[in-house]
Amino acid sequence: MSLEVLALIALLPILVALVLMVGLRWPATKAMPLAWLTAAAGAVIVWGLPMKYVAALTLQGFVTAIGILIIVFGAILILRTLQQSGGMETIQYGMQNISPDRRIQAIIIGYMFAAFLEGAAGFGTPAALAAPLLLSLGFPPLAAAIVCLVFNSFPVTFGAVGTPVILGLKYLAPGVADAVATGAPGVNFANQGDFIALVGQWATLMHLGMIFILPVFMLGFVTRYFGPERSWKPGLAAWKFCMFAAVAFTVPYLFFAWNVGPEFPSLIGGLVGLGIIIAGAKAGFCVPKTTWDFGPSDKWDPEWTGSVSGGSTEFKPHMSQFKAWLPYILIGAILVVTRIPELGLKGFLAAQAIKFSAILGYESVNASIKYLYLPGSIPFVLVALLTVMIHGMPGTKVKAAWSQAIVTMKNPTIALFAAVALVSIFRGSGITDAALNPNNYPSMPLAMAEAVANITGNAWPMFASYVGGLGAFITGSNTVSDLLFAEFQWGVATQLDLPRQIIVAAQAVGGGMGNMICIHNIVAVCAVVGLSGMEGQILKRTVWPFLLYGLVVGIVASLMSFVFLPNLF
């Protein structure tokens, strides 16, 4: 069978997910199982893989999904615990009293606070938390939703303490080992850990341009489409504060990515940056001389408000700001202690694993769950338990937090099990064992990669991030986008003799920028700000910054691939 036909068949599961979720608006809980079934059918009928082997690959995907779900549960649990304890409302109260200027509020909450939340929790929580906060401060619901969706992009590659990079690229381990063993051109990494660290480092540089451009662009966008003067000028006038915020985030962001690892850039960048710009805003540093607002809410376009009316909400403090923020401080501290090898805990925690070897009798199909090293258990669940004592929570509040977290897990569990099982079939389809792969076909991702490489040639770095964005758009997750497309990107880079770490980094960055057009995120934000049914209107607006983001990343990735890297290595 020709390469082109194999590539089209490999593409079918992705097209099924795209048509069902975007075209027919099916939820991922229904669409992803059908996409998995399409992949399984292709593997058996076209690739000729035994059904039992496909079942083993599916079970392998389930085990990997459990590891991701532990992180998701821990992130949701700490959030629900803070909501029940009053800690989150206390944090919101503190945010509410910093500056009356809507431009400054958008940067502090939508840009920086959301970046911190993404680094700490991820999985859609930043927009779902920050958008209602902006709404309560007096933002039109449509403006609040768009601001938070667009800003929830540059931190996402390192969201939930690096999950998209650390778990999203786990299936590249064999390819990394082969590249090292064969001395492939441009390979300057020794193992999987080194490769992941390099991907994270180069990803920060790809994000860098938009970290500075995006806040200025979005403030201009807000004042142009939601301001009483309908002009870009008031938004652009706050450019100094935007640059101040970008620098405050970028310095720790780059430092931790290049010196510590992919767990910390967004978490520490957001936390440190938040403290700096709050202090700066209170002191009037780089703040515009005139205060800008949206104007009277009775003059707003009805489209801006949906089912809710404008106006601010008053939050009440339930404890000191220090006590409210202490759980997040503990998360950061515990992560540092458990992720720096020299401190001794990293090796011990990583060694504690539940292993599944030779699943259904196939020696090549293995999986494991590092139950203590996953951030879902330590620090998320651990800190959630400590918060009960720190905030003096009664048993009823604790029960409510755990119940809400467990109920919230239903849909992500179904979607992730199917999505990651699909990915496992994708990567296992290229096994070299003649008894399992009688036609000796390349894996599904590699078939697509070879076909794409033949079409695009060396122009691929300009397009690589858009594939990551498509993955996030379809699956609702940067992590699953990386699981789905990382091997494909590696394959294209190999076919075209491009730096693998750069192309895979573009994939990881694309998965982050895809969050602003991700259907799941848009639906979730619309639900919390009362704009259900307005998803299409939001998507039509967020697609423009998405396209701009991909263009900037494409230029940077191309320069890295053809100009900078040959001179560095």
Protein backbone atom coordinates (compact mmCIF):
# COMPACT_ATOMS: atom_id res chain seq x y z
CA MET A 1 0.00 0.00 0.00
CA SER A 2 1.34 3.44 -0.91
CA LEU A 3 2.66 5.86 1.70
CA GLU A 4 0.00 8.42 0.82
CA VAL A 5 -2.86 5.96 1.43
CA LEU A 6 -1.32 4.84 4.73
CA ALA A 7 -1.02 8.47 5.80
CA LEU A 8 -4.69 9.12 4.99
CA ILE A 9 -5.80 6.06 6.96
CA ALA A 10 -3.62 7.14 9.89
CA LEU A 11 -5.22 10.58 9.69
CA LEU A 12 -8.77 9.18 9.86
CA PRO A 13 -9.03 8.96 13.68
CA ILE A 14 -7.99 12.61 13.96
CA LEU A 15 -10.51 13.61 11.29
CA VAL A 16 -13.23 11.66 13.12
CA ALA A 17 -12.49 13.55 16.34
CA LEU A 18 -12.37 16.86 14.49
CA VAL A 19 -15.67 16.35 12.63
CA LEU A 20 -17.56 15.03 15.64
CA MET A 21 -16.37 17.62 18.16
CA VAL A 22 -16.15 20.68 15.94
CA GLY A 23 -18.61 20.00 13.17
CA LEU A 24 -21.28 18.12 15.12
CA ARG A 25 -20.40 19.54 18.56
CA TRP A 26 -20.18 16.14 20.19
CA PRO A 27 -18.54 16.11 23.64
CA ALA A 28 -15.11 14.52 23.90
CA THR A 29 -16.64 11.77 26.05
CA LYS A 30 -18.44 10.49 22.93
CA ALA A 31 -16.12 11.59 20.15
CA MET A 32 -12.80 10.28 21.50
CA PRO A 33 -14.00 6.66 22.02
CA LEU A 34 -15.10 6.62 18.37
CA ALA A 35 -11.76 8.06 17.32
CA TRP A 36 -10.05 5.29 19.31
CA LEU A 37 -12.26 2.69 17.60
CA THR A 38 -11.31 4.12 14.19
CA ALA A 39 -7.60 3.85 15.06
CA ALA A 40 -8.04 0.29 16.34
CA ALA A 41 -9.91 -0.72 13.17
CA GLY A 42 -7.19 0.79 10.98
CA ALA A 43 -4.49 -1.00 12.97
CA VAL A 44 -6.19 -4.39 12.58
CA ILE A 45 -7.58 -4.11 9.04
CA VAL A 46 -4.85 -2.12 7.25
CA TRP A 47 -1.70 -2.58 9.35
CA GLY A 48 -2.60 -6.22 10.03
CA LEU A 49 -1.88 -6.03 13.75
CA PRO A 50 -3.39 -8.85 15.88
CA MET A 51 -6.48 -7.80 17.84
CA LYS A 52 -4.89 -9.01 21.07
CA TYR A 53 -1.87 -6.79 20.45
CA VAL A 54 -4.14 -3.79 19.80
CA ALA A 55 -5.94 -4.63 23.07
CA ALA A 56 -2.57 -4.65 24.87
CA LEU A 57 -1.70 -1.26 23.42
CA THR A 58 -5.09 0.03 24.56
CA LEU A 59 -4.43 -1.19 28.11
CA GLN A 60 -1.01 0.45 27.99
CA GLY A 61 -2.75 3.72 27.09
CA PHE A 62 -5.14 3.28 30.00
CA VAL A 63 -2.22 3.01 32.44
CA THR A 64 -0.64 6.17 31.03
CA ALA A 65 -4.01 7.93 31.27
CA ILE A 66 -4.26 6.99 34.95
CA GLY A 67 -0.98 8.82 35.58
CA ILE A 68 -2.33 11.95 33.87
CA LEU A 69 -5.64 11.67 35.72
CA ILE A 70 -3.84 11.57 39.07
CA ILE A 71 -2.39 14.99 38.19
CA VAL A 72 -5.76 16.29 37.01
CA PHE A 73 -7.46 15.09 40.20
CA GLY A 74 -4.80 16.63 42.43
CA ALA A 75 -5.03 19.96 40.62
CA ILE A 76 -8.82 20.02 40.87
CA LEU A 77 -8.74 18.93 44.51
CA ILE A 78 -6.45 21.76 45.64
CA LEU A 79 -8.66 24.22 43.76
CA ARG A 80 -11.89 22.88 45.31
CA THR A 81 -10.29 22.80 48.75
CA LEU A 82 -9.33 26.48 48.48
CA GLN A 83 -12.83 27.36 47.26
CA GLN A 84 -14.43 25.55 50.20
CA SER A 85 -12.01 26.97 52.78
CA GLY A 86 -12.54 30.56 51.67
CA GLY A 87 -8.93 30.85 50.57
CA MET A 88 -9.81 31.47 46.93
CA GLU A 89 -12.31 34.21 47.78
CA THR A 90 -9.67 35.82 49.99
CA ILE A 91 -7.24 35.79 47.06
CA GLN A 92 -9.94 37.30 44.83
CA TYR A 93 -10.58 40.00 47.46
CA GLY A 94 -6.91 40.92 47.42
CA MET A 95 -6.91 41.14 43.63
CA GLN A 96 -9.99 43.34 43.64
CA ASN A 97 -8.33 46.16 45.55
CA ILE A 98 -5.14 46.72 43.53
CA SER A 99 -6.11 49.15 40.73
CA PRO A 100 -9.35 50.55 39.27
CA ASP A 101 -7.85 50.65 35.75
CA ARG A 102 -9.33 47.82 33.68
CA ARG A 103 -6.16 47.52 31.60
CA ILE A 104 -4.06 46.95 34.72
CA GLN A 105 -6.62 44.47 36.06
CA ALA A 106 -6.53 42.55 32.77
CA ILE A 107 -2.74 42.19 32.98
CA ILE A 108 -2.60 41.31 36.68
CA ILE A 109 -5.44 38.79 36.60
CA GLY A 110 -5.77 37.57 33.01
CA TYR A 111 -2.07 37.58 32.15
CA MET A 112 -0.13 36.98 35.37
CA PHE A 113 -2.51 35.39 37.91
CA ALA A 114 -3.80 33.02 35.22
CA ALA A 115 -0.19 32.14 34.29
CA PHE A 116 0.47 31.17 37.89
CA LEU A 117 -2.73 29.10 38.04
CA GLU A 118 -1.72 27.37 34.80
CA GLY A 119 1.69 26.54 36.20
CA ALA A 120 0.19 25.19 39.42
CA ALA A 121 -2.93 23.44 38.16
CA GLY A 122 -3.45 23.64 34.39
CA PHE A 123 -6.20 21.64 32.69
CA GLY A 124 -8.46 24.61 31.99
CA THR A 125 -8.53 26.02 35.52
CA PRO A 126 -6.92 29.43 34.77
CA ALA A 127 -9.58 30.73 32.39
CA ALA A 128 -12.35 29.21 34.50
CA LEU A 129 -11.07 31.07 37.59
CA ALA A 130 -9.71 34.30 36.13
CA ALA A 131 -12.67 35.09 33.83
CA PRO A 132 -15.27 35.18 36.64
CA LEU A 133 -12.88 37.33 38.67
CA LEU A 134 -12.63 39.88 35.83
CA LEU A 135 -16.41 39.69 35.45
CA SER A 136 -16.88 40.47 39.13
CA LEU A 137 -14.61 43.50 38.78
CA GLY A 138 -16.88 44.96 36.09
CA PHE A 139 -15.65 43.51 32.78
CA PRO A 140 -18.21 42.64 30.11
CA PRO A 141 -18.50 38.83 30.15
CA LEU A 142 -17.43 38.53 26.50
CA ALA A 143 -14.32 40.63 27.12
CA ALA A 144 -13.44 38.66 30.26
CA ALA A 145 -13.76 35.36 28.41
CA ILE A 146 -11.64 36.43 25.43
CA VAL A 147 -8.90 38.01 27.53
CA CYS A 148 -8.48 34.92 29.70
CA LEU A 149 -8.62 32.47 26.80
CA VAL A 150 -5.98 34.31 24.79
CA PHE A 151 -3.64 34.85 27.73
CA ASN A 152 -3.91 31.17 28.67
CA SER A 153 -1.39 30.24 25.98
CA PHE A 154 2.25 31.05 26.74
CA PRO A 155 2.22 29.38 30.22
CA VAL A 156 0.49 26.20 29.04
CA THR A 157 3.54 24.35 27.72
CA PHE A 158 4.70 24.17 31.35
CA GLY A 159 1.22 23.91 32.86
CA ALA A 160 0.42 21.67 35.83
CA VAL A 161 4.11 21.64 36.81
CA GLY A 162 5.37 20.66 33.38
CA THR A 163 2.92 17.87 32.59
CA PRO A 164 2.60 18.62 28.82
CA VAL A 165 6.35 18.29 28.36
CA ILE A 166 7.18 15.59 30.90
CA LEU A 167 4.28 13.22 30.22
CA GLY A 168 3.37 14.49 26.76
CA LEU A 169 6.76 13.51 25.33
CA LYS A 170 7.20 10.22 27.18
CA TYR A 171 6.66 8.12 24.05
CA LEU A 172 9.69 9.66 22.35
CA ALA A 173 12.09 7.73 24.59
CA PRO A 174 12.87 4.97 22.01
CA GLY A 175 13.45 7.52 19.25
CA VAL A 176 15.77 9.52 21.50
CA ALA A 177 17.73 6.39 22.37
CA ASP A 178 18.08 5.40 18.71
CA ALA A 179 19.19 8.92 17.71
CA VAL A 180 21.85 8.92 20.42
CA ALA A 181 23.03 5.41 19.57
CA THR A 182 23.37 6.12 15.84
CA GLY A 183 24.93 9.54 16.30
CA ALA A 184 22.27 11.25 14.22
CA PRO A 185 23.19 14.77 12.97
CA GLY A 186 22.36 17.60 15.36
CA VAL A 187 21.79 15.29 18.33
CA ASN A 188 23.24 17.02 21.38
CA PHE A 189 21.36 15.13 24.06
CA ALA A 190 22.35 11.97 25.87
CA ASN A 191 19.03 10.58 27.05
CA GLN A 192 15.29 11.22 27.35
CA GLY A 193 15.72 13.53 30.34
CA ASP A 194 18.24 15.70 28.49
CA PHE A 195 15.99 15.84 25.44
CA ILE A 196 12.93 16.93 27.45
CA ALA A 197 15.00 19.62 29.19
CA LEU A 198 16.20 20.90 25.80
CA VAL A 199 12.65 20.94 24.42
CA GLY A 200 11.56 23.01 27.40
CA GLN A 201 14.45 25.42 27.00
CA TRP A 202 13.88 26.04 23.30
CA ALA A 203 10.12 26.29 23.87
CA THR A 204 10.66 29.24 26.21
CA LEU A 205 12.49 31.10 23.44
CA MET A 206 9.70 30.36 20.97
CA HIS A 207 7.13 31.73 23.43
CA LEU A 208 9.30 34.74 24.25
CA GLY A 209 8.21 37.07 21.45
CA MET A 210 4.51 36.60 22.17
CA ILE A 211 5.03 36.96 25.92
CA PHE A 212 5.88 40.59 25.11
CA ILE A 213 3.59 41.12 22.10
CA LEU A 214 0.42 39.47 23.41
CA PRO A 215 -0.38 41.77 26.37
CA VAL A 216 -0.04 44.93 24.24
CA PHE A 217 -2.03 43.39 21.40
CA MET A 218 -4.82 42.21 23.71
CA LEU A 219 -5.20 45.52 25.55
CA GLY A 220 -5.47 47.28 22.19
CA PHE A 221 -7.98 44.64 21.08
CA VAL A 222 -10.07 45.14 24.24
CA THR A 223 -10.24 48.92 23.95
CA ARG A 224 -10.94 48.69 20.20
CA TYR A 225 -13.87 46.30 20.48
CA PHE A 226 -15.18 46.92 24.01
CA GLY A 227 -14.19 50.51 24.83
CA PRO A 228 -16.51 53.50 24.55
CA GLU A 229 -14.07 55.16 22.13
CA ARG A 230 -13.68 52.01 19.93
CA SER A 231 -9.97 52.69 19.49
CA TRP A 232 -6.74 50.72 19.85
CA LYS A 233 -5.04 53.78 21.29
CA PRO A 234 -6.08 53.53 24.99
CA GLY A 235 -4.97 49.91 25.12
CA LEU A 236 -1.64 50.58 23.45
CA ALA A 237 -1.09 53.46 25.86
CA ALA A 238 -0.54 50.90 28.64
CA TRP A 239 2.43 49.36 26.82
CA LYS A 240 4.90 50.26 29.55
CA PHE A 241 3.00 48.25 32.16
CA CYS A 242 2.74 45.38 29.66
CA MET A 243 6.52 45.39 29.19
CA PHE A 244 7.01 45.59 32.96
CA ALA A 245 4.76 42.55 33.43
CA ALA A 246 6.44 40.61 30.61
CA VAL A 247 9.89 41.17 32.11
CA ALA A 248 8.67 40.27 35.61
CA PHE A 249 7.36 36.96 34.26
CA THR A 250 10.12 36.20 31.77
CA VAL A 251 13.18 36.47 34.04
CA PRO A 252 12.18 33.68 36.48
CA TYR A 253 10.50 31.80 33.60
CA LEU A 254 13.73 31.57 31.63
CA PHE A 255 15.92 31.02 34.68
CA PHE A 256 14.01 27.98 35.90
CA ALA A 257 13.53 26.47 32.43
CA TRP A 258 17.24 26.68 31.65
CA ASN A 259 18.64 25.86 35.09
CA VAL A 260 16.15 23.64 36.93
CA GLY A 261 13.65 21.92 34.64
CA PRO A 262 10.26 22.04 32.92
CA GLU A 263 8.23 21.75 36.13
CA PHE A 264 8.78 25.33 37.25
CA PRO A 265 8.82 28.02 34.51
CA SER A 266 5.13 28.98 34.53
CA LEU A 267 4.56 28.28 38.22
CA ILE A 268 7.50 30.34 39.49
CA GLY A 269 7.31 32.90 36.67
CA GLY A 270 3.66 33.54 37.48
CA LEU A 271 4.13 33.60 41.24
CA VAL A 272 7.19 35.86 41.26
CA GLY A 273 5.83 38.04 38.47
CA LEU A 274 2.51 38.43 40.25
CA GLY A 275 4.16 39.74 43.40
CA ILE A 276 6.32 42.17 41.42
CA ILE A 277 3.57 43.69 39.28
CA ILE A 278 1.11 43.98 42.17
CA ALA A 279 3.73 45.94 44.10
CA GLY A 280 4.45 48.00 40.98
CA ALA A 281 0.77 48.72 40.32
CA LYS A 282 0.21 49.86 43.91
CA ALA A 283 3.22 52.16 43.60
CA GLY A 284 2.05 53.49 40.23
CA PHE A 285 5.10 52.13 38.43
CA CYS A 286 4.58 52.15 34.61
CA VAL A 287 0.83 52.67 35.20
CA PRO A 288 -0.87 55.06 32.70
CA LYS A 289 -1.70 58.48 34.14
CA THR A 290 -5.38 58.21 33.20
CA THR A 291 -7.69 55.42 34.34
CA TRP A 292 -9.56 53.52 31.64
CA ASP A 293 -12.95 51.81 31.95
CA PHE A 294 -15.53 50.17 29.69
CA GLY A 295 -18.12 52.88 30.25
CA PRO A 296 -21.64 52.53 31.69
CA SER A 297 -22.92 48.95 31.46
CA ASP A 298 -26.31 50.13 30.17
CA LYS A 299 -24.55 51.26 26.98
CA TRP A 300 -22.80 47.95 26.34
CA ASP A 301 -23.69 45.90 23.29
CA PRO A 302 -26.15 43.15 24.38
CA GLU A 303 -23.84 40.60 22.75
CA TRP A 304 -21.21 41.36 25.38
CA THR A 305 -23.28 40.19 28.32
CA GLY A 306 -25.25 37.13 27.26
CA SER A 307 -27.40 35.85 30.12
CA VAL A 308 -25.73 37.93 32.83
CA SER A 309 -25.67 41.64 33.45
CA GLY A 310 -22.58 43.73 33.99
CA GLY A 311 -21.47 45.16 37.27
CA SER A 312 -19.00 44.32 39.98
CA THR A 313 -19.23 41.86 42.86
CA GLU A 314 -17.69 42.39 46.26
CA PHE A 315 -15.54 39.60 47.64
CA LYS A 316 -14.90 39.14 51.36
CA PRO A 317 -11.67 38.05 53.04
CA HIS A 318 -11.93 34.95 55.22
CA MET A 319 -8.33 34.93 56.41
CA SER A 320 -5.06 36.74 55.87
CA GLN A 321 -3.63 36.94 52.37
CA PHE A 322 -0.57 35.00 53.56
CA LYS A 323 -2.68 32.13 54.86
CA ALA A 324 -4.76 32.11 51.66
CA TRP A 325 -1.63 31.92 49.47
CA LEU A 326 0.25 29.50 51.75
CA PRO A 327 -0.99 26.31 49.99
CA TYR A 328 0.40 27.59 46.68
CA ILE A 329 3.65 28.60 48.38
CA LEU A 330 3.90 25.08 49.81
CA ILE A 331 3.28 23.58 46.37
CA GLY A 332 6.18 25.56 44.96
CA ALA A 333 8.48 24.72 47.88
CA ILE A 334 7.70 20.99 47.82
CA LEU A 335 8.22 20.85 44.06
CA VAL A 336 11.64 22.45 44.40
CA VAL A 337 12.65 20.00 47.15
CA THR A 338 11.42 16.96 45.21
CA ARG A 339 12.70 17.92 41.75
CA ILE A 340 16.33 18.91 42.41
CA PRO A 341 18.41 15.69 42.24
CA GLU A 342 21.08 16.91 44.65
CA LEU A 343 18.55 17.06 47.50
CA GLY A 344 18.03 13.29 47.35
CA LEU A 345 14.25 12.99 47.23
CA LYS A 346 13.83 13.01 43.46
CA GLY A 347 15.47 9.63 42.91
CA PHE A 348 13.62 7.99 45.79
CA LEU A 349 10.18 9.24 44.72
CA ALA A 350 10.75 8.43 41.05
CA ALA A 351 11.76 4.86 41.97
CA GLN A 352 8.41 4.15 43.62
CA ALA A 353 6.33 2.78 40.76
CA ILE A 354 3.59 0.32 39.92
CA LYS A 355 4.86 -1.53 36.86
CA PHE A 356 2.92 -3.41 34.20
CA SER A 357 5.32 -5.58 32.21
CA ALA A 358 4.57 -7.62 29.09
CA ILE A 359 0.90 -6.62 28.97
CA LEU A 360 -1.20 -9.53 27.62
CA GLY A 361 2.06 -11.38 27.00
CA TYR A 362 3.69 -8.86 24.63
CA GLU A 363 7.24 -8.11 25.75
CA SER A 364 7.29 -4.71 23.99
CA VAL A 365 4.13 -3.43 25.71
CA ASN A 366 4.96 -2.07 29.16
CA ALA A 367 3.74 0.76 31.37
CA SER A 368 4.23 2.14 34.85
CA ILE A 369 2.77 4.69 37.25
CA LYS A 370 5.24 6.63 39.40
CA TYR A 371 2.58 7.27 42.01
CA LEU A 372 4.70 9.35 44.39
CA TYR A 373 6.61 11.34 41.76
CA LEU A 374 3.47 12.47 39.94
CA PRO A 375 2.64 16.03 41.11
CA GLY A 376 -0.97 14.96 41.57
CA SER A 377 -0.02 13.06 44.73
CA ILE A 378 2.99 15.09 45.92
CA PRO A 379 2.44 17.97 46.28
CA PHE A 380 -1.21 18.46 45.18
CA VAL A 381 -3.09 15.92 47.32
CA LEU A 382 -0.58 16.34 50.16
CA VAL A 383 -1.05 20.13 50.20
CA ALA A 384 -4.84 19.73 49.96
CA LEU A 385 -4.70 17.66 53.16
CA LEU A 386 -2.39 20.18 54.85
CA THR A 387 -4.76 23.01 53.83
CA VAL A 388 -7.51 21.41 55.89
CA MET A 389 -5.41 22.11 59.00
CA ILE A 390 -3.92 25.42 57.84
CA HIS A 391 -7.34 26.91 57.05
CA GLY A 392 -9.17 25.14 59.87
CA MET A 393 -11.75 23.53 57.58
CA PRO A 394 -14.72 21.68 59.10
CA GLY A 395 -15.44 18.14 57.96
CA THR A 396 -18.43 19.19 55.86
CA LYS A 397 -16.27 21.55 53.79
CA VAL A 398 -13.60 18.88 53.31
CA LYS A 399 -16.21 16.37 52.19
CA ALA A 400 -17.68 18.90 49.75
CA ALA A 401 -14.25 19.62 48.24
CA TRP A 402 -13.45 15.94 47.70
CA SER A 403 -16.94 15.20 46.37
CA GLN A 404 -16.75 18.06 43.87
CA ALA A 405 -13.29 16.96 42.72
CA ILE A 406 -14.40 13.36 42.23
CA VAL A 407 -17.55 14.36 40.32
CA THR A 408 -15.52 16.70 38.10
CA MET A 409 -13.28 13.78 37.09
CA LYS A 410 -15.99 11.84 35.24
CA ASN A 411 -15.74 13.47 31.80
CA PRO A 412 -11.95 13.94 31.75
CA THR A 413 -11.55 10.27 32.68
CA ILE A 414 -13.61 8.96 29.77
CA ALA A 415 -12.05 11.34 27.23
CA LEU A 416 -8.46 10.78 28.41
CA PHE A 417 -8.72 6.98 28.52
CA ALA A 418 -9.87 6.93 24.89
CA ALA A 419 -7.45 9.63 23.70
CA VAL A 420 -4.33 8.12 25.27
CA ALA A 421 -5.31 4.61 24.17
CA LEU A 422 -5.55 5.99 20.63
CA VAL A 423 -2.06 7.44 20.99
CA SER A 424 -0.73 4.12 22.26
CA ILE A 425 -2.10 2.34 19.17
CA PHE A 426 -0.57 5.05 16.98
CA ARG A 427 2.91 4.54 18.33
CA GLY A 428 2.70 0.74 18.65
CA SER A 429 1.58 0.27 15.05
CA GLY A 430 5.15 0.49 13.73
CA ILE A 431 6.62 -2.42 15.69
CA THR A 432 9.37 -4.21 13.76
CA ASP A 433 8.26 -7.72 14.81
CA ALA A 434 7.12 -9.47 11.58
CA ALA A 435 4.61 -11.58 13.49
CA LEU A 436 2.84 -8.44 14.75
CA ASN A 437 3.38 -6.14 11.77
CA PRO A 438 3.42 -8.53 8.78
CA ASN A 439 3.46 -5.74 6.18
CA ASN A 440 6.37 -3.97 7.89
CA TYR A 441 4.49 -0.69 7.62
CA PRO A 442 5.81 2.40 9.42
CA SER A 443 3.89 3.54 12.50
CA MET A 444 0.84 5.68 11.90
CA PRO A 445 2.57 8.92 13.03
CA LEU A 446 5.61 8.11 10.89
CA ALA A 447 3.44 7.47 7.83
CA MET A 448 1.85 10.89 8.25
CA ALA A 449 5.25 12.44 8.91
CA GLU A 450 6.80 11.05 5.73
CA ALA A 451 3.84 12.23 3.65
CA VAL A 452 3.94 15.72 5.16
CA ALA A 453 7.71 15.93 4.75
CA ASN A 454 7.32 15.17 1.05
CA ILE A 455 4.81 18.02 0.68
CA THR A 456 6.35 20.81 2.79
CA GLY A 457 10.05 20.14 2.53
CA ASN A 458 12.26 22.33 4.69
CA ALA A 459 9.47 24.88 5.19
CA TRP A 460 8.06 22.64 7.93
CA PRO A 461 9.30 24.75 10.91
CA MET A 462 6.84 27.48 9.83
CA PHE A 463 3.92 25.07 10.24
CA ALA A 464 4.93 22.79 13.10
CA SER A 465 3.31 24.83 15.88
CA TYR A 466 -0.05 24.87 14.09
CA VAL A 467 -0.13 21.07 14.29
CA GLY A 468 0.29 21.34 18.05
CA GLY A 469 -2.48 23.92 18.09
CA LEU A 470 -4.74 21.61 16.09
CA GLY A 471 -4.09 18.85 18.64
CA ALA A 472 -5.12 21.10 21.53
CA PHE A 473 -8.12 22.34 19.53
CA ILE A 474 -9.30 18.75 19.02
CA THR A 475 -8.42 17.14 22.35
CA GLY A 476 -8.67 20.10 24.73
CA SER A 477 -5.24 19.40 26.19
CA ASN A 478 -1.64 20.39 25.45
CA THR A 479 -0.55 17.12 27.09
CA VAL A 480 -2.73 14.95 24.85
CA SER A 481 -1.76 17.03 21.81
CA ASP A 482 1.88 16.23 22.57
CA LEU A 483 1.07 12.56 23.11
CA LEU A 484 -0.81 12.54 19.82
CA PHE A 485 1.62 14.46 17.61
CA ALA A 486 5.10 14.42 19.21
CA GLU A 487 6.13 11.27 17.36
CA PHE A 488 4.72 12.73 14.16
CA GLN A 489 6.82 15.89 14.66
CA TRP A 490 9.90 13.80 15.48
CA GLY A 491 9.32 11.83 12.30
CA VAL A 492 9.08 14.95 10.14
CA ALA A 493 12.25 16.35 11.70
CA THR A 494 14.05 13.07 11.05
CA GLN A 495 12.85 12.88 7.44
CA LEU A 496 13.94 16.47 6.73
CA ASP A 497 17.13 16.31 8.85
CA LEU A 498 15.91 19.18 11.04
CA PRO A 499 16.88 19.63 14.72
CA ARG A 500 14.49 17.29 16.51
CA GLN A 501 14.44 19.30 19.73
CA ILE A 502 13.38 22.43 17.85
CA ILE A 503 10.53 20.82 15.92
CA VAL A 504 9.24 19.00 19.01
CA ALA A 505 9.53 22.27 20.97
CA ALA A 506 7.38 23.94 18.28
CA GLN A 507 4.83 21.17 18.84
CA ALA A 508 4.81 21.84 22.60
CA VAL A 509 4.46 25.59 22.03
CA GLY A 510 1.66 25.00 19.52
CA GLY A 511 -0.23 22.92 22.04
CA GLY A 512 -0.03 25.89 24.41
CA MET A 513 -1.23 28.48 21.91
CA GLY A 514 -4.02 26.09 20.85
CA ASN A 515 -5.67 26.58 24.23
CA MET A 516 -7.07 29.92 23.10
CA ILE A 517 -9.15 28.22 20.37
CA CYS A 518 -9.73 24.94 22.22
CA ILE A 519 -13.44 24.11 22.11
CA HIS A 520 -13.39 22.62 25.62
CA ASN A 521 -11.89 25.75 27.15
CA ILE A 522 -14.27 28.03 25.26
CA VAL A 523 -17.30 26.02 26.41
CA ALA A 524 -16.05 26.01 30.01
CA VAL A 525 -15.43 29.75 30.07
CA CYS A 526 -18.79 30.48 28.45
CA ALA A 527 -20.49 28.42 31.14
CA VAL A 528 -18.90 30.30 34.05
CA VAL A 529 -19.52 33.80 32.66
CA GLY A 530 -23.04 33.18 31.34
CA LEU A 531 -22.26 33.11 27.62
CA SER A 532 -23.44 29.61 26.72
CA GLY A 533 -24.32 29.55 23.05
CA MET A 534 -21.76 32.27 22.24
CA GLU A 535 -18.89 29.86 21.62
CA GLY A 536 -18.79 30.61 17.90
CA GLN A 537 -18.54 34.36 18.51
CA ILE A 538 -15.60 33.84 20.85
CA LEU A 539 -13.81 31.46 18.49
CA LYS A 540 -14.08 33.98 15.65
CA ARG A 541 -12.20 36.49 17.82
CA THR A 542 -9.58 34.22 19.41
CA VAL A 543 -8.54 32.66 16.10
CA TRP A 544 -6.73 35.89 15.09
CA PRO A 545 -4.29 35.98 18.02
CA PHE A 546 -3.86 32.22 17.49
CA LEU A 547 -2.79 32.77 13.89
CA LEU A 548 -0.49 35.63 14.94
CA TYR A 549 1.06 33.46 17.63
CA GLY A 550 1.75 30.64 15.16
CA LEU A 551 3.29 33.05 12.67
CA VAL A 552 5.73 34.44 15.25
CA VAL A 553 6.61 30.95 16.51
CA GLY A 554 7.08 29.73 12.94
CA ILE A 555 9.56 32.49 12.20
CA VAL A 556 11.50 31.80 15.41
CA ALA A 557 11.50 28.02 14.81
CA SER A 558 12.74 28.55 11.25
CA LEU A 559 15.56 30.83 12.40
CA MET A 560 16.54 28.31 15.08
CA SER A 561 16.50 25.45 12.58
CA PHE A 562 18.46 27.06 9.77
CA VAL A 563 20.43 30.01 11.19
CA PHE A 564 21.09 29.83 14.92
CA LEU A 565 21.42 26.13 15.69
CA PRO A 566 23.97 25.22 12.99
CA ASN A 567 26.23 27.84 14.53
CA LEU A 568 25.63 26.62 18.08
CA PHE A 569 26.14 22.89 17.62
